[in-house]
C-alpha atoms as a PDB file:
ATOM      1  CA  MET A   1     141.888 216.061 140.162  1.00  0.00           C
ATOM      2  CA  LYS A   2     138.473 216.978 138.823  1.00  0.00           C
ATOM      3  CA  SER A   3     135.756 214.363 138.351  1.00  0.00           C
ATOM      4  CA  VAL A   4     135.063 212.448 135.157  1.00  0.00           C
ATOM      5  CA  ARG A   5     131.612 214.040 135.030  1.00  0.00           C
ATOM      6  CA  PHE A   6     133.206 217.507 135.043  1.00  0.00           C
ATOM      7  CA  TRP A   7     135.489 216.665 132.114  1.00  0.00           C
ATOM      8  CA  LYS A   8     132.691 215.007 130.124  1.00  0.00           C
ATOM      9  CA  THR A   9     130.591 218.145 130.522  1.00  0.00           C
ATOM     10  CA  GLU A  10     133.477 220.366 129.458  1.00  0.00           C
ATOM     11  CA  VAL A  11     134.265 218.215 126.420  1.00  0.00           C
ATOM     12  CA  GLN A  12     130.639 218.135 125.288  1.00  0.00           C
ATOM     13  CA  GLN A  13     130.691 221.926 125.054  1.00  0.00           C
ATOM     14  CA  LEU A  14     133.445 221.804 122.412  1.00  0.00           C
ATOM     15  CA  SER A  15     132.870 221.591 118.675  1.00  0.00           C
ATOM     16  CA  LEU A  16     134.066 218.509 116.808  1.00  0.00           C
ATOM     17  CA  MET A  17     137.080 220.415 115.445  1.00  0.00           C
ATOM     18  CA  GLU A  18     138.012 221.621 118.932  1.00  0.00           C
ATOM     19  CA  ARG A  19     137.736 218.083 120.274  1.00  0.00           C
ATOM     20  CA  MET A  20     140.022 216.756 117.559  1.00  0.00           C
ATOM     21  CA  PHE A  21     142.530 219.560 118.121  1.00  0.00           C
ATOM     22  CA  PHE A  22     142.693 219.078 121.883  1.00  0.00           C
ATOM     23  CA  LYS A  23     142.933 215.295 121.519  1.00  0.00           C
ATOM     24  CA  ASP A  24     145.985 215.708 119.276  1.00  0.00           C
ATOM     25  CA  VAL A  25     147.573 218.272 121.590  1.00  0.00           C
ATOM     26  CA  ILE A  26     147.095 216.066 124.638  1.00  0.00           C
ATOM     27  CA  LYS A  27     148.455 213.062 122.752  1.00  0.00           C
ATOM     28  CA  THR A  28     151.586 215.083 121.930  1.00  0.00           C
ATOM     29  CA  LEU A  29     151.970 216.265 125.523  1.00  0.00           C
ATOM     30  CA  LEU A  30     151.642 212.732 126.848  1.00  0.00           C
ATOM     31  CA  ASN A  31     154.611 211.682 124.738  1.00  0.00           C
ATOM     32  CA  TRP A  32     156.761 213.653 127.165  1.00  0.00           C
ATOM     33  CA  GLU A  33     157.430 211.370 130.093  1.00  0.00           C
ATOM     34  CA  VAL A  34     157.588 214.231 132.620  1.00  0.00           C
ATOM     35  CA  LEU A  35     154.113 215.454 131.727  1.00  0.00           C
ATOM     36  CA  LYS A  36     152.712 211.940 131.647  1.00  0.00           C
ATOM     37  CA  LYS A  37     153.699 211.423 135.269  1.00  0.00           C
ATOM     38  CA  GLU A  38     152.701 214.870 136.490  1.00  0.00           C
ATOM     39  CA  TYR A  39     149.382 215.230 134.708  1.00  0.00           C
ATOM     40  CA  LEU A  40     147.576 211.918 134.788  1.00  0.00           C
ATOM     41  CA  GLU A  41     144.372 213.837 134.213  1.00  0.00           C
ATOM     42  CA  LEU A  42     145.458 214.528 130.621  1.00  0.00           C
ATOM     43  CA  ASP A  43     145.050 210.873 129.695  1.00  0.00           C
ATOM     44  CA  LEU A  44     141.528 210.884 131.109  1.00  0.00           C
ATOM     45  CA  ILE A  45     140.640 213.999 129.123  1.00  0.00           C
ATOM     46  CA  ARG A  46     142.141 212.481 125.945  1.00  0.00           C
ATOM     47  CA  ARG A  47     140.035 209.338 126.326  1.00  0.00           C
ATOM     48  CA  ILE A  48     136.878 211.392 126.882  1.00  0.00           C
ATOM     49  CA  LEU A  49     137.681 213.489 123.804  1.00  0.00           C
ATOM     50  CA  GLU A  50     138.176 210.366 121.696  1.00  0.00           C
ATOM     51  CA  SER A  51     134.864 208.880 122.781  1.00  0.00           C
ATOM     52  CA  GLU A  52     132.997 212.140 122.135  1.00  0.00           C
ATOM     53  CA  ILE A  53     134.622 212.455 118.695  1.00  0.00           C
ATOM     54  CA  GLN A  54     133.407 208.959 117.808  1.00  0.00           C
ATOM     55  CA  ILE A  55     129.888 209.799 118.960  1.00  0.00           C
ATOM     56  CA  SER A  56     129.857 213.050 116.966  1.00  0.00           C
ATOM     57  CA  THR A  57     131.216 211.352 113.851  1.00  0.00           C
ATOM     58  CA  GLN A  58     128.590 208.600 114.045  1.00  0.00           C
ATOM     59  CA  GLU A  59     125.814 211.173 114.468  1.00  0.00           C
ATOM     60  CA  GLU A  60     127.061 213.140 111.462  1.00  0.00           C
ATOM     61  CA  LYS A  61     127.165 209.975 109.332  1.00  0.00           C
ATOM     62  CA  ALA A  62     123.598 209.116 110.334  1.00  0.00           C
ATOM     63  CA  ASP A  63     122.421 212.642 109.479  1.00  0.00           C
ATOM     64  CA  THR A  64     124.166 212.480 106.094  1.00  0.00           C
ATOM     65  CA  GLU A  65     122.603 209.107 105.325  1.00  0.00           C
ATOM     66  CA  LYS A  66     119.134 210.391 106.209  1.00  0.00           C
ATOM     67  CA  TRP A  67     119.651 213.451 104.011  1.00  0.00           C
ATOM     68  CA  MET A  68     120.832 211.320 101.072  1.00  0.00           C
ATOM     69  CA  GLU A  69     117.887 208.925 101.434  1.00  0.00           C
ATOM     70  CA  ALA A  70     115.475 211.874 101.328  1.00  0.00           C
ATOM     71  CA  ASP A  71     116.687 212.791  97.813  1.00  0.00           C
END
């Protein structure tokens, strides 16, 4: 199993759309009991993706608010 730091670095290199896509794919895969047991790392990656998506979304909202205030 790779380290959390490795997966965080990998996830940060993805665009927001890629993060959302992979989060949904992993969520679907984890619904299969066989994969859930075999690939515990998938849950870790999913949680990292979710946290990075939240961070990206909050940053985009802040940028939008700043842009709207400037008008």
